[in-house]
Amino acid sequence: MSRLLSFALVALLLACNATALAELPPELRGRPVADVTIEGGLAHKISPREVGIPVGAPLDRALLRDAIRRLVESGRYADVQLLLESSPEGVTVIARLLPRRRVARIEVQGNREISDEDAARTMGLMAGDDFDPERLEGARARLTEHYRALGF
């Protein structure tokens, strides 16, 4: 009987620093990796090979930690989680990968009183920055305040 182990491995990106927590239940240590699957919206776009855990390898903390490190350091993911599921054949590693969303471009329309460069500088956003809805709202508020300060 398979059961999902909720005390799985979790790696979160906080700013540019990655923190990897690797808790491996003793009953899974040394068991063979039976399968590696991708869960979530990226499942059809990413090969399980990209996780870097070979099927058949004995499961240990170093194997999982190295996989998390590689995935985080790739810069492609905002969040990496590896969950472990016991099976009769060994252990299934389930990778939950949240893609990093980036600002593709900044367009300011209708700005006749200030230059596009001044508007972009005021907003504090640049193409290539990580997308964050709260940061976007802050940029909008800063630009609005800038216009108010100019008398508009």
C-alpha atoms as a PDB file:
ATOM      1  CA  MET A   1       0.000   0.000   0.000  1.00  0.00           C
ATOM      2  CA  SER A   2       1.397   3.391  -1.008  1.00  0.00           C
ATOM      3  CA  ARG A   3       1.261   6.311   1.325  1.00  0.00           C
ATOM      4  CA  LEU A   4       2.422   9.822   0.668  1.00  0.00           C
ATOM      5  CA  LEU A   5       4.984  10.950   3.159  1.00  0.00           C
ATOM      6  CA  SER A   6       4.127  14.502   4.061  1.00  0.00           C
ATOM      7  CA  PHE A   7       7.438  15.039   5.817  1.00  0.00           C
ATOM      8  CA  ALA A   8       8.988  15.103   2.381  1.00  0.00           C
ATOM      9  CA  LEU A   9      11.866  17.107   1.100  1.00  0.00           C
ATOM     10  CA  VAL A  10      11.296  20.747   0.501  1.00  0.00           C
ATOM     11  CA  ALA A  11      13.511  23.359  -1.068  1.00  0.00           C
ATOM     12  CA  LEU A  12      12.311  26.935  -1.215  1.00  0.00           C
ATOM     13  CA  LEU A  13      13.922  29.834  -2.961  1.00  0.00           C
ATOM     14  CA  LEU A  14      13.978  32.889  -0.782  1.00  0.00           C
ATOM     15  CA  ALA A  15      15.408  35.736  -2.793  1.00  0.00           C
ATOM     16  CA  CYS A  16      18.618  34.272  -4.178  1.00  0.00           C
ATOM     17  CA  ASN A  17      19.357  31.915  -1.304  1.00  0.00           C
ATOM     18  CA  ALA A  18      18.083  28.364  -1.433  1.00  0.00           C
ATOM     19  CA  THR A  19      17.255  26.498   1.720  1.00  0.00           C
ATOM     20  CA  ALA A  20      16.994  22.750   1.358  1.00  0.00           C
ATOM     21  CA  LEU A  21      15.384  20.692   4.058  1.00  0.00           C
ATOM     22  CA  ALA A  22      16.029  16.996   3.615  1.00  0.00           C
ATOM     23  CA  GLU A  23      14.234  14.660   5.963  1.00  0.00           C
ATOM     24  CA  LEU A  24      14.447  11.040   4.901  1.00  0.00           C
ATOM     25  CA  PRO A  25      12.352   8.579   6.898  1.00  0.00           C
ATOM     26  CA  PRO A  26      14.528   5.669   8.092  1.00  0.00           C
ATOM     27  CA  GLU A  27      12.198   3.069   6.542  1.00  0.00           C
ATOM     28  CA  LEU A  28      12.891   4.499   3.066  1.00  0.00           C
ATOM     29  CA  ARG A  29      16.657   4.853   3.388  1.00  0.00           C
ATOM     30  CA  GLY A  30      18.474   2.536   0.994  1.00  0.00           C
ATOM     31  CA  ARG A  31      15.334   1.417  -0.872  1.00  0.00           C
ATOM     32  CA  PRO A  32      15.574   1.633  -4.674  1.00  0.00           C
ATOM     33  CA  VAL A  33      14.025   4.538  -6.559  1.00  0.00           C
ATOM     34  CA  ALA A  34      11.197   2.859  -8.467  1.00  0.00           C
ATOM     35  CA  ASP A  35      10.001   5.899 -10.394  1.00  0.00           C
ATOM     36  CA  VAL A  36      10.419   9.665 -10.720  1.00  0.00           C
ATOM     37  CA  THR A  37       7.376  11.714 -11.698  1.00  0.00           C
ATOM     38  CA  ILE A  38       6.668  15.406 -12.235  1.00  0.00           C
ATOM     39  CA  GLU A  39       3.551  16.883 -10.686  1.00  0.00           C
ATOM     40  CA  GLY A  40       1.785  20.123 -11.532  1.00  0.00           C
ATOM     41  CA  GLY A  41       1.563  22.389 -14.539  1.00  0.00           C
ATOM     42  CA  LEU A  42       5.032  21.483 -15.783  1.00  0.00           C
ATOM     43  CA  ALA A  43       4.432  17.735 -15.940  1.00  0.00           C
ATOM     44  CA  HIS A  44       4.119  17.723 -19.741  1.00  0.00           C
ATOM     45  CA  LYS A  45       7.129  20.017 -20.279  1.00  0.00           C
ATOM     46  CA  ILE A  46       9.806  18.457 -18.098  1.00  0.00           C
ATOM     47  CA  SER A  47      11.372  15.039 -18.353  1.00  0.00           C
ATOM     48  CA  PRO A  48      11.749  13.128 -15.081  1.00  0.00           C
ATOM     49  CA  ARG A  49      15.440  12.793 -16.042  1.00  0.00           C
ATOM     50  CA  GLU A  50      15.838  16.519 -15.361  1.00  0.00           C
ATOM     51  CA  VAL A  51      15.226  15.832 -11.672  1.00  0.00           C
ATOM     52  CA  GLY A  52      18.555  14.009 -11.639  1.00  0.00           C
ATOM     53  CA  ILE A  53      17.530  10.968  -9.614  1.00  0.00           C
ATOM     54  CA  PRO A  54      18.156   7.716 -11.521  1.00  0.00           C
ATOM     55  CA  VAL A  55      15.601   4.931 -11.307  1.00  0.00           C
ATOM     56  CA  GLY A  56      17.152   2.017  -9.442  1.00  0.00           C
ATOM     57  CA  ALA A  57      19.480   4.160  -7.318  1.00  0.00           C
ATOM     58  CA  PRO A  58      19.398   3.488  -3.579  1.00  0.00           C
ATOM     59  CA  LEU A  59      17.585   6.335  -1.876  1.00  0.00           C
ATOM     60  CA  ASP A  60      19.660   8.424   0.484  1.00  0.00           C
ATOM     61  CA  ARG A  61      19.748  11.961   1.749  1.00  0.00           C
ATOM     62  CA  ALA A  62      22.703  13.000  -0.428  1.00  0.00           C
ATOM     63  CA  LEU A  63      20.925  11.867  -3.614  1.00  0.00           C
ATOM     64  CA  LEU A  64      17.866  13.935  -2.747  1.00  0.00           C
ATOM     65  CA  ARG A  65      19.840  16.946  -1.536  1.00  0.00           C
ATOM     66  CA  ASP A  66      21.920  16.996  -4.751  1.00  0.00           C
ATOM     67  CA  ALA A  67      18.762  16.823  -6.902  1.00  0.00           C
ATOM     68  CA  ILE A  68      17.201  19.717  -4.999  1.00  0.00           C
ATOM     69  CA  ARG A  69      20.398  21.744  -5.250  1.00  0.00           C
ATOM     70  CA  ARG A  70      20.660  21.212  -9.028  1.00  0.00           C
ATOM     71  CA  LEU A  71      17.017  22.132  -9.614  1.00  0.00           C
ATOM     72  CA  VAL A  72      17.240  25.270  -7.461  1.00  0.00           C
ATOM     73  CA  GLU A  73      20.553  26.365  -8.962  1.00  0.00           C
ATOM     74  CA  SER A  74      19.146  26.013 -12.478  1.00  0.00           C
ATOM     75  CA  GLY A  75      17.227  29.226 -11.781  1.00  0.00           C
ATOM     76  CA  ARG A  76      14.175  27.860 -13.572  1.00  0.00           C
ATOM     77  CA  TYR A  77      12.032  27.250 -10.485  1.00  0.00           C
ATOM     78  CA  ALA A  78      10.614  29.490  -7.785  1.00  0.00           C
ATOM     79  CA  ASP A  79       9.806  26.465  -5.618  1.00  0.00           C
ATOM     80  CA  VAL A  80      11.076  22.881  -5.621  1.00  0.00           C
ATOM     81  CA  GLN A  81       9.495  20.100  -3.570  1.00  0.00           C
ATOM     82  CA  LEU A  82      10.388  16.426  -3.644  1.00  0.00           C
ATOM     83  CA  LEU A  83       7.807  14.129  -2.105  1.00  0.00           C
ATOM     84  CA  LEU A  84       8.365  10.447  -1.423  1.00  0.00           C
ATOM     85  CA  GLU A  85       5.822   7.691  -1.866  1.00  0.00           C
ATOM     86  CA  SER A  86       6.496   4.153  -0.742  1.00  0.00           C
ATOM     87  CA  SER A  87       5.597   1.370  -3.167  1.00  0.00           C
ATOM     88  CA  PRO A  88       6.196  -2.402  -3.304  1.00  0.00           C
ATOM     89  CA  GLU A  89       8.973  -1.783  -5.884  1.00  0.00           C
ATOM     90  CA  GLY A  90      10.744   0.833  -3.766  1.00  0.00           C
ATOM     91  CA  VAL A  91      10.141   4.567  -3.587  1.00  0.00           C
ATOM     92  CA  THR A  92       8.520   6.929  -6.054  1.00  0.00           C
ATOM     93  CA  VAL A  93       9.987  10.433  -6.046  1.00  0.00           C
ATOM     94  CA  ILE A  94       7.388  13.053  -6.955  1.00  0.00           C
ATOM     95  CA  ALA A  95       8.827  16.404  -8.030  1.00  0.00           C
ATOM     96  CA  ARG A  96       6.602  19.449  -7.614  1.00  0.00           C
ATOM     97  CA  LEU A  97       8.243  22.243  -9.563  1.00  0.00           C
ATOM     98  CA  LEU A  98       6.846  25.769  -9.599  1.00  0.00           C
ATOM     99  CA  PRO A  99       8.288  27.669 -12.559  1.00  0.00           C
ATOM    100  CA  ARG A 100       9.874  31.033 -11.986  1.00  0.00           C
ATOM    101  CA  ARG A 101       7.842  33.765 -13.690  1.00  0.00           C
ATOM    102  CA  ARG A 102       9.774  36.704 -15.034  1.00  0.00           C
ATOM    103  CA  VAL A 103       8.797  40.134 -16.308  1.00  0.00           C
ATOM    104  CA  ALA A 104       9.152  39.940 -20.092  1.00  0.00           C
ATOM    105  CA  ARG A 105       8.971  43.660 -20.811  1.00  0.00           C
ATOM    106  CA  ILE A 106       7.766  46.942 -19.356  1.00  0.00           C
ATOM    107  CA  GLU A 107       5.439  49.136 -21.407  1.00  0.00           C
ATOM    108  CA  VAL A 108       4.118  52.446 -20.166  1.00  0.00           C
ATOM    109  CA  GLN A 109       1.327  53.808 -22.326  1.00  0.00           C
ATOM    110  CA  GLY A 110      -0.020  57.320 -22.321  1.00  0.00           C
ATOM    111  CA  ASN A 111       2.947  58.854 -20.522  1.00  0.00           C
ATOM    112  CA  ARG A 112       3.358  62.198 -22.242  1.00  0.00           C
ATOM    113  CA  GLU A 113       4.762  64.166 -19.368  1.00  0.00           C
ATOM    114  CA  ILE A 114       7.718  61.978 -18.410  1.00  0.00           C
ATOM    115  CA  SER A 115      10.035  59.782 -20.444  1.00  0.00           C
ATOM    116  CA  ASP A 116       9.674  56.017 -20.605  1.00  0.00           C
ATOM    117  CA  GLU A 117      13.060  55.757 -18.884  1.00  0.00           C
ATOM    118  CA  ASP A 118      11.940  58.009 -16.011  1.00  0.00           C
ATOM    119  CA  ALA A 119       8.714  56.009 -15.658  1.00  0.00           C
ATOM    120  CA  ALA A 120      10.635  52.727 -15.569  1.00  0.00           C
ATOM    121  CA  ARG A 121      13.117  54.102 -13.037  1.00  0.00           C
ATOM    122  CA  THR A 122      10.255  55.363 -10.854  1.00  0.00           C
ATOM    123  CA  MET A 123       8.497  51.987 -10.943  1.00  0.00           C
ATOM    124  CA  GLY A 124      11.640  50.079 -10.035  1.00  0.00           C
ATOM    125  CA  LEU A 125      10.853  47.190 -12.369  1.00  0.00           C
ATOM    126  CA  MET A 126      12.992  45.828 -15.158  1.00  0.00           C
ATOM    127  CA  ALA A 127      12.565  43.165 -17.800  1.00  0.00           C
ATOM    128  CA  GLY A 128      13.978  39.929 -16.404  1.00  0.00           C
ATOM    129  CA  ASP A 129      12.923  40.614 -12.802  1.00  0.00           C
ATOM    130  CA  ASP A 130      10.955  37.918 -11.006  1.00  0.00           C
ATOM    131  CA  PHE A 131       7.237  38.576 -11.405  1.00  0.00           C
ATOM    132  CA  ASP A 132       5.418  39.315  -8.178  1.00  0.00           C
ATOM    133  CA  PRO A 133       1.856  40.729  -8.213  1.00  0.00           C
ATOM    134  CA  GLU A 134       2.513  42.729  -5.034  1.00  0.00           C
ATOM    135  CA  ARG A 135       5.638  44.252  -6.525  1.00  0.00           C
ATOM    136  CA  LEU A 136       3.676  45.132  -9.667  1.00  0.00           C
ATOM    137  CA  GLU A 137       1.057  46.894  -7.558  1.00  0.00           C
ATOM    138  CA  GLY A 138       3.825  48.794  -5.733  1.00  0.00           C
ATOM    139  CA  ALA A 139       5.279  49.897  -9.074  1.00  0.00           C
ATOM    140  CA  ARG A 140       1.889  51.183 -10.189  1.00  0.00           C
ATOM    141  CA  ALA A 141       1.461  53.081  -6.919  1.00  0.00           C
ATOM    142  CA  ARG A 142       4.947  54.648  -7.197  1.00  0.00           C
ATOM    143  CA  LEU A 143       4.252  55.806 -10.747  1.00  0.00           C
ATOM    144  CA  THR A 144       0.882  57.260  -9.729  1.00  0.00           C
ATOM    145  CA  GLU A 145       2.517  59.101  -6.816  1.00  0.00           C
ATOM    146  CA  HIS A 146       5.245  60.408  -9.118  1.00  0.00           C
ATOM    147  CA  TYR A 147       2.624  61.885 -11.443  1.00  0.00           C
ATOM    148  CA  ARG A 148       0.783  63.430  -8.466  1.00  0.00           C
ATOM    149  CA  ALA A 149       4.037  65.006  -7.260  1.00  0.00           C
ATOM    150  CA  LEU A 150       4.374  66.589 -10.712  1.00  0.00           C
ATOM    151  CA  GLY A 151       0.895  68.100 -10.350  1.00  0.00           C
ATOM    152  CA  PHE A 152      -1.157  65.622 -12.354  1.00  0.00           C
END
